[in-house]
Amino acid sequence: MTKSKWKDPGIIMVIALVVISAIVWIWWPTEVYWMGISLAGWLMFFCFFVWLLLTFLYVIWIEKIEKQPDGESDKR
């Protein structure tokens, strides 16, 4: 039995990245400043840590899937 493609870690991570990027691009606050820096700059700075966290989660998730016995892993 094959797994759904929508449960693939890569697809889920891409969806998460697209959603976060869409929020930043739809609401691009260039005229709001905090501590002398545009809010868009702060968003880009803090999103770096979100991307880093998502990367670690992805690697751990893939490692967990690869360690599963051959009978349980998704064969493509």
PDB file of N, CA and C in Angstrom:
ATOM      1  N   MET A   1       0.839  -1.166   0.000  1.00  0.00           N
ATOM      2  CA  MET A   1       0.000   0.000   0.000  1.00  0.00           C
ATOM      3  C   MET A   1       0.897   1.247   0.000  1.00  0.00           C
ATOM      4  N   THR A   2       0.581   2.212  -0.827  1.00  0.00           N
ATOM      5  CA  THR A   2       1.405   3.413  -0.908  1.00  0.00           C
ATOM      6  C   THR A   2       0.827   4.513  -0.028  1.00  0.00           C
ATOM      7  N   LYS A   3       1.735   5.316   0.492  1.00  0.00           N
ATOM      8  CA  LYS A   3       1.326   6.451   1.309  1.00  0.00           C
ATOM      9  C   LYS A   3       0.814   7.575   0.426  1.00  0.00           C
ATOM     10  N   SER A   4      -0.045   8.387   0.990  1.00  0.00           N
ATOM     11  CA  SER A   4      -0.537   9.556   0.283  1.00  0.00           C
ATOM     12  C   SER A   4       0.616  10.542   0.081  1.00  0.00           C
ATOM     13  N   LYS A   5       0.649  11.160  -1.082  1.00  0.00           N
ATOM     14  CA  LYS A   5       1.697  12.157  -1.338  1.00  0.00           C
ATOM     15  C   LYS A   5       1.543  13.368  -0.435  1.00  0.00           C
ATOM     16  N   TRP A   6       0.332  13.617   0.055  1.00  0.00           N
ATOM     17  CA  TRP A   6       0.094  14.768   0.923  1.00  0.00           C
ATOM     18  C   TRP A   6       0.678  14.552   2.309  1.00  0.00           C
ATOM     19  N   LYS A   7       1.075  13.319   2.642  1.00  0.00           N
ATOM     20  CA  LYS A   7       1.701  13.037   3.933  1.00  0.00           C
ATOM     21  C   LYS A   7       3.217  12.983   3.818  1.00  0.00           C
ATOM     22  N   ASP A   8       3.759  13.244   2.645  1.00  0.00           N
ATOM     23  CA  ASP A   8       5.196  13.264   2.443  1.00  0.00           C
ATOM     24  C   ASP A   8       5.793  14.483   3.152  1.00  0.00           C
ATOM     25  N   PRO A   9       6.874  14.293   3.913  1.00  0.00           N
ATOM     26  CA  PRO A   9       7.472  15.432   4.645  1.00  0.00           C
ATOM     27  C   PRO A   9       7.844  16.602   3.749  1.00  0.00           C
ATOM     28  N   GLY A  10       8.332  16.332   2.555  1.00  0.00           N
ATOM     29  CA  GLY A  10       8.729  17.412   1.649  1.00  0.00           C
ATOM     30  C   GLY A  10       7.552  18.274   1.238  1.00  0.00           C
ATOM     31  N   ILE A  11       6.428  17.645   0.916  1.00  0.00           N
ATOM     32  CA  ILE A  11       5.228  18.388   0.512  1.00  0.00           C
ATOM     33  C   ILE A  11       4.712  19.227   1.684  1.00  0.00           C
ATOM     34  N   ILE A  12       4.690  18.640   2.872  1.00  0.00           N
ATOM     35  CA  ILE A  12       4.192  19.371   4.045  1.00  0.00           C
ATOM     36  C   ILE A  12       5.088  20.566   4.352  1.00  0.00           C
ATOM     37  N   MET A  13       6.417  20.389   4.253  1.00  0.00           N
ATOM     38  CA  MET A  13       7.333  21.501   4.522  1.00  0.00           C
ATOM     39  C   MET A  13       7.206  22.594   3.461  1.00  0.00           C
ATOM     40  N   VAL A  14       7.028  22.215   2.208  1.00  0.00           N
ATOM     41  CA  VAL A  14       6.853  23.222   1.153  1.00  0.00           C
ATOM     42  C   VAL A  14       5.580  24.021   1.395  1.00  0.00           C
ATOM     43  N   ILE A  15       4.509  23.345   1.799  1.00  0.00           N
ATOM     44  CA  ILE A  15       3.257  24.043   2.097  1.00  0.00           C
ATOM     45  C   ILE A  15       3.466  25.026   3.252  1.00  0.00           C
ATOM     46  N   ALA A  16       4.177  24.595   4.289  1.00  0.00           N
ATOM     47  CA  ALA A  16       4.453  25.489   5.426  1.00  0.00           C
ATOM     48  C   ALA A  16       5.258  26.705   4.976  1.00  0.00           C
ATOM     49  N   LEU A  17       6.271  26.495   4.150  1.00  0.00           N
ATOM     50  CA  LEU A  17       7.093  27.610   3.668  1.00  0.00           C
ATOM     51  C   LEU A  17       6.284  28.565   2.802  1.00  0.00           C
ATOM     52  N   VAL A  18       5.413  28.020   1.955  1.00  0.00           N
ATOM     53  CA  VAL A  18       4.581  28.864   1.086  1.00  0.00           C
ATOM     54  C   VAL A  18       3.609  29.693   1.924  1.00  0.00           C
ATOM     55  N   VAL A  19       3.028  29.099   2.950  1.00  0.00           N
ATOM     56  CA  VAL A  19       2.087  29.828   3.803  1.00  0.00           C
ATOM     57  C   VAL A  19       2.802  30.979   4.527  1.00  0.00           C
ATOM     58  N   ILE A  20       3.964  30.701   5.103  1.00  0.00           N
ATOM     59  CA  ILE A  20       4.708  31.754   5.806  1.00  0.00           C
ATOM     60  C   ILE A  20       5.123  32.855   4.830  1.00  0.00           C
ATOM     61  N   SER A  21       5.603  32.467   3.654  1.00  0.00           N
ATOM     62  CA  SER A  21       6.004  33.463   2.647  1.00  0.00           C
ATOM     63  C   SER A  21       4.809  34.279   2.180  1.00  0.00           C
ATOM     64  N   ALA A  22       3.664  33.631   1.998  1.00  0.00           N
ATOM     65  CA  ALA A  22       2.467  34.349   1.552  1.00  0.00           C
ATOM     66  C   ALA A  22       2.042  35.387   2.585  1.00  0.00           C
ATOM     67  N   ILE A  23       2.131  35.045   3.860  1.00  0.00           N
ATOM     68  CA  ILE A  23       1.769  36.006   4.913  1.00  0.00           C
ATOM     69  C   ILE A  23       2.663  37.237   4.832  1.00  0.00           C
ATOM     70  N   VAL A  24       3.961  37.032   4.646  1.00  0.00           N
ATOM     71  CA  VAL A  24       4.893  38.161   4.565  1.00  0.00           C
ATOM     72  C   VAL A  24       4.648  38.980   3.297  1.00  0.00           C
ATOM     73  N   TRP A  25       4.425  38.321   2.159  1.00  0.00           N
ATOM     74  CA  TRP A  25       4.245  39.053   0.901  1.00  0.00           C
ATOM     75  C   TRP A  25       2.900  39.748   0.810  1.00  0.00           C
ATOM     76  N   ILE A  26       1.847  39.138   1.362  1.00  0.00           N
ATOM     77  CA  ILE A  26       0.525  39.769   1.321  1.00  0.00           C
ATOM     78  C   ILE A  26       0.506  40.994   2.225  1.00  0.00           C
ATOM     79  N   TRP A  27       1.074  40.861   3.403  1.00  0.00           N
ATOM     80  CA  TRP A  27       1.115  41.951   4.362  1.00  0.00           C
ATOM     81  C   TRP A  27       2.561  42.416   4.459  1.00  0.00           C
ATOM     82  N   TRP A  28       2.943  43.305   3.595  1.00  0.00           N
ATOM     83  CA  TRP A  28       4.331  43.773   3.541  1.00  0.00           C
ATOM     84  C   TRP A  28       4.413  45.125   4.223  1.00  0.00           C
ATOM     85  N   PRO A  29       4.682  45.168   5.527  1.00  0.00           N
ATOM     86  CA  PRO A  29       4.624  46.411   6.309  1.00  0.00           C
ATOM     87  C   PRO A  29       5.893  47.255   6.191  1.00  0.00           C
ATOM     88  N   THR A  30       6.036  47.972   5.109  1.00  0.00           N
ATOM     89  CA  THR A  30       7.262  48.749   4.910  1.00  0.00           C
ATOM     90  C   THR A  30       7.237  50.090   5.639  1.00  0.00           C
ATOM     91  N   GLU A  31       6.056  50.554   6.003  1.00  0.00           N
ATOM     92  CA  GLU A  31       5.969  51.876   6.628  1.00  0.00           C
ATOM     93  C   GLU A  31       5.883  51.813   8.148  1.00  0.00           C
ATOM     94  N   VAL A  32       5.981  50.620   8.712  1.00  0.00           N
ATOM     95  CA  VAL A  32       5.937  50.469  10.164  1.00  0.00           C
ATOM     96  C   VAL A  32       7.366  50.235  10.643  1.00  0.00           C
ATOM     97  N   TYR A  33       7.790  51.028  11.633  1.00  0.00           N
ATOM     98  CA  TYR A  33       9.159  50.923  12.129  1.00  0.00           C
ATOM     99  C   TYR A  33       9.157  50.571  13.607  1.00  0.00           C
ATOM    100  N   TRP A  34      10.114  49.750  14.000  1.00  0.00           N
ATOM    101  CA  TRP A  34      10.311  49.386  15.401  1.00  0.00           C
ATOM    102  C   TRP A  34      11.809  49.435  15.653  1.00  0.00           C
ATOM    103  N   MET A  35      12.222  50.232  16.589  1.00  0.00           N
ATOM    104  CA  MET A  35      13.635  50.452  16.905  1.00  0.00           C
ATOM    105  C   MET A  35      14.426  50.917  15.677  1.00  0.00           C
ATOM    106  N   GLY A  36      13.801  51.707  14.844  1.00  0.00           N
ATOM    107  CA  GLY A  36      14.463  52.279  13.687  1.00  0.00           C
ATOM    108  C   GLY A  36      14.594  51.356  12.489  1.00  0.00           C
ATOM    109  N   ILE A  37      14.034  50.153  12.590  1.00  0.00           N
ATOM    110  CA  ILE A  37      14.116  49.183  11.494  1.00  0.00           C
ATOM    111  C   ILE A  37      12.704  48.871  11.019  1.00  0.00           C
ATOM    112  N   SER A  38      12.527  48.804   9.707  1.00  0.00           N
ATOM    113  CA  SER A  38      11.228  48.480   9.139  1.00  0.00           C
ATOM    114  C   SER A  38      10.750  47.135   9.658  1.00  0.00           C
ATOM    115  N   LEU A  39       9.442  47.026   9.851  1.00  0.00           N
ATOM    116  CA  LEU A  39       8.874  45.773  10.329  1.00  0.00           C
ATOM    117  C   LEU A  39       9.128  44.636   9.336  1.00  0.00           C
ATOM    118  N   ALA A  40       9.235  44.974   8.052  1.00  0.00           N
ATOM    119  CA  ALA A  40       9.564  43.956   7.050  1.00  0.00           C
ATOM    120  C   ALA A  40      10.950  43.374   7.321  1.00  0.00           C
ATOM    121  N   GLY A  41      11.880  44.216   7.721  1.00  0.00           N
ATOM    122  CA  GLY A  41      13.223  43.738   8.065  1.00  0.00           C
ATOM    123  C   GLY A  41      13.198  42.822   9.275  1.00  0.00           C
ATOM    124  N   TRP A  42      12.416  43.193  10.282  1.00  0.00           N
ATOM    125  CA  TRP A  42      12.279  42.330  11.456  1.00  0.00           C
ATOM    126  C   TRP A  42      11.653  40.987  11.081  1.00  0.00           C
ATOM    127  N   LEU A  43      10.636  41.024  10.218  1.00  0.00           N
ATOM    128  CA  LEU A  43       9.998  39.778   9.783  1.00  0.00           C
ATOM    129  C   LEU A  43      10.996  38.872   9.069  1.00  0.00           C
ATOM    130  N   MET A  44      11.804  39.453   8.196  1.00  0.00           N
ATOM    131  CA  MET A  44      12.808  38.646   7.492  1.00  0.00           C
ATOM    132  C   MET A  44      13.817  38.062   8.477  1.00  0.00           C
ATOM    133  N   PHE A  45      14.209  38.851   9.477  1.00  0.00           N
ATOM    134  CA  PHE A  45      15.165  38.380  10.472  1.00  0.00           C
ATOM    135  C   PHE A  45      14.592  37.217  11.281  1.00  0.00           C
ATOM    136  N   PHE A  46      13.370  37.374  11.786  1.00  0.00           N
ATOM    137  CA  PHE A  46      12.770  36.323  12.597  1.00  0.00           C
ATOM    138  C   PHE A  46      12.379  35.102  11.765  1.00  0.00           C
ATOM    139  N   CYS A  47      12.050  35.309  10.498  1.00  0.00           N
ATOM    140  CA  CYS A  47      11.724  34.167   9.635  1.00  0.00           C
ATOM    141  C   CYS A  47      12.949  33.277   9.410  1.00  0.00           C
ATOM    142  N   PHE A  48      14.144  33.829   9.515  1.00  0.00           N
ATOM    143  CA  PHE A  48      15.345  33.004   9.400  1.00  0.00           C
ATOM    144  C   PHE A  48      15.303  31.876  10.430  1.00  0.00           C
ATOM    145  N   PHE A  49      14.901  32.201  11.659  1.00  0.00           N
ATOM    146  CA  PHE A  49      14.834  31.194  12.711  1.00  0.00           C
ATOM    147  C   PHE A  49      13.706  30.193  12.453  1.00  0.00           C
ATOM    148  N   VAL A  50      12.624  30.659  11.843  1.00  0.00           N
ATOM    149  CA  VAL A  50      11.541  29.738  11.466  1.00  0.00           C
ATOM    150  C   VAL A  50      12.051  28.768  10.407  1.00  0.00           C
ATOM    151  N   TRP A  51      12.753  29.269   9.381  1.00  0.00           N
ATOM    152  CA  TRP A  51      13.305  28.397   8.329  1.00  0.00           C
ATOM    153  C   TRP A  51      14.281  27.393   8.940  1.00  0.00           C
ATOM    154  N   LEU A  52      15.112  27.860   9.870  1.00  0.00           N
ATOM    155  CA  LEU A  52      16.076  26.979  10.514  1.00  0.00           C
ATOM    156  C   LEU A  52      15.371  25.865  11.303  1.00  0.00           C
ATOM    157  N   LEU A  53      14.343  26.227  12.048  1.00  0.00           N
ATOM    158  CA  LEU A  53      13.572  25.239  12.792  1.00  0.00           C
ATOM    159  C   LEU A  53      12.905  24.231  11.847  1.00  0.00           C
ATOM    160  N   LEU A  54      12.310  24.731  10.766  1.00  0.00           N
ATOM    161  CA  LEU A  54      11.681  23.831   9.796  1.00  0.00           C
ATOM    162  C   LEU A  54      12.699  22.894   9.157  1.00  0.00           C
ATOM    163  N   THR A  55      13.901  23.381   8.929  1.00  0.00           N
ATOM    164  CA  THR A  55      14.953  22.535   8.362  1.00  0.00           C
ATOM    165  C   THR A  55      15.317  21.408   9.315  1.00  0.00           C
ATOM    166  N   PHE A  56      15.494  21.739  10.592  1.00  0.00           N
ATOM    167  CA  PHE A  56      15.807  20.706  11.581  1.00  0.00           C
ATOM    168  C   PHE A  56      14.668  19.685  11.685  1.00  0.00           C
ATOM    169  N   LEU A  57      13.427  20.178  11.712  1.00  0.00           N
ATOM    170  CA  LEU A  57      12.288  19.264  11.775  1.00  0.00           C
ATOM    171  C   LEU A  57      12.241  18.336  10.568  1.00  0.00           C
ATOM    172  N   TYR A  58      12.518  18.888   9.397  1.00  0.00           N
ATOM    173  CA  TYR A  58      12.507  18.095   8.174  1.00  0.00           C
ATOM    174  C   TYR A  58      13.571  16.993   8.228  1.00  0.00           C
ATOM    175  N   VAL A  59      14.775  17.347   8.635  1.00  0.00           N
ATOM    176  CA  VAL A  59      15.865  16.371   8.691  1.00  0.00           C
ATOM    177  C   VAL A  59      15.541  15.271   9.700  1.00  0.00           C
ATOM    178  N   ILE A  60      15.045  15.640  10.866  1.00  0.00           N
ATOM    179  CA  ILE A  60      14.685  14.637  11.871  1.00  0.00           C
ATOM    180  C   ILE A  60      13.563  13.742  11.349  1.00  0.00           C
ATOM    181  N   TRP A  61      12.578  14.331  10.684  1.00  0.00           N
ATOM    182  CA  TRP A  61      11.444  13.583  10.150  1.00  0.00           C
ATOM    183  C   TRP A  61      11.904  12.583   9.089  1.00  0.00           C
ATOM    184  N   ILE A  62      12.766  13.029   8.170  1.00  0.00           N
ATOM    185  CA  ILE A  62      13.272  12.143   7.113  1.00  0.00           C
ATOM    186  C   ILE A  62      14.116  11.021   7.714  1.00  0.00           C
ATOM    187  N   GLU A  63      14.960  11.349   8.699  1.00  0.00           N
ATOM    188  CA  GLU A  63      15.772  10.316   9.347  1.00  0.00           C
ATOM    189  C   GLU A  63      14.885   9.261  10.003  1.00  0.00           C
ATOM    190  N   LYS A  64      13.818   9.696  10.629  1.00  0.00           N
ATOM    191  CA  LYS A  64      12.891   8.767  11.266  1.00  0.00           C
ATOM    192  C   LYS A  64      12.243   7.854  10.224  1.00  0.00           C
ATOM    193  N   ILE A  65      11.851   8.410   9.090  1.00  0.00           N
ATOM    194  CA  ILE A  65      11.226   7.614   8.028  1.00  0.00           C
ATOM    195  C   ILE A  65      12.226   6.619   7.452  1.00  0.00           C
ATOM    196  N   GLU A  66      13.477   7.053   7.258  1.00  0.00           N
ATOM    197  CA  GLU A  66      14.492   6.164   6.681  1.00  0.00           C
ATOM    198  C   GLU A  66      14.886   5.029   7.620  1.00  0.00           C
ATOM    199  N   LYS A  67      14.703   5.208   8.922  1.00  0.00           N
ATOM    200  CA  LYS A  67      15.046   4.164   9.880  1.00  0.00           C
ATOM    201  C   LYS A  67      13.961   3.102  10.018  1.00  0.00           C
ATOM    202  N   GLN A  68      12.783   3.345   9.437  1.00  0.00           N
ATOM    203  CA  GLN A  68      11.703   2.371   9.509  1.00  0.00           C
ATOM    204  C   GLN A  68      12.105   1.101   8.761  1.00  0.00           C
ATOM    205  N   PRO A  69      11.598  -0.062   9.201  1.00  0.00           N
ATOM    206  CA  PRO A  69      11.872  -1.297   8.461  1.00  0.00           C
ATOM    207  C   PRO A  69      11.372  -1.199   7.029  1.00  0.00           C
ATOM    208  N   ASP A  70      11.982  -1.976   6.121  1.00  0.00           N
ATOM    209  CA  ASP A  70      11.628  -1.902   4.700  1.00  0.00           C
ATOM    210  C   ASP A  70      10.149  -2.162   4.446  1.00  0.00           C
ATOM    211  N   GLY A  71       9.523  -2.985   5.236  1.00  0.00           N
ATOM    212  CA  GLY A  71       8.110  -3.298   5.024  1.00  0.00           C
ATOM    213  C   GLY A  71       7.195  -2.123   5.292  1.00  0.00           C
ATOM    214  N   GLU A  72       7.619  -1.193   6.132  1.00  0.00           N
ATOM    215  CA  GLU A  72       6.789  -0.071   6.501  1.00  0.00           C
ATOM    216  C   GLU A  72       7.109   1.211   5.725  1.00  0.00           C
ATOM    217  N   SER A  73       8.260   1.265   5.085  1.00  0.00           N
ATOM    218  CA  SER A  73       8.644   2.504   4.406  1.00  0.00           C
ATOM    219  C   SER A  73       7.915   2.632   3.085  1.00  0.00           C
ATOM    220  N   ASP A  74       7.851   3.847   2.594  1.00  0.00           N
ATOM    221  CA  ASP A  74       7.186   4.143   1.341  1.00  0.00           C
ATOM    222  C   ASP A  74       8.118   3.816   0.178  1.00  0.00           C
ATOM    223  N   LYS A  75       7.721   2.872  -0.656  1.00  0.00           N
ATOM    224  CA  LYS A  75       8.551   2.494  -1.812  1.00  0.00           C
ATOM    225  C   LYS A  75       8.086   3.256  -3.031  1.00  0.00           C
ATOM    226  N   ARG A  76       9.016   3.967  -3.649  1.00  0.00           N
ATOM    227  CA  ARG A  76       8.657   4.764  -4.829  1.00  0.00           C
ATOM    228  C   ARG A  76       9.421   4.309  -6.019  1.00  0.00           C
TER     229      ARG A  76
END
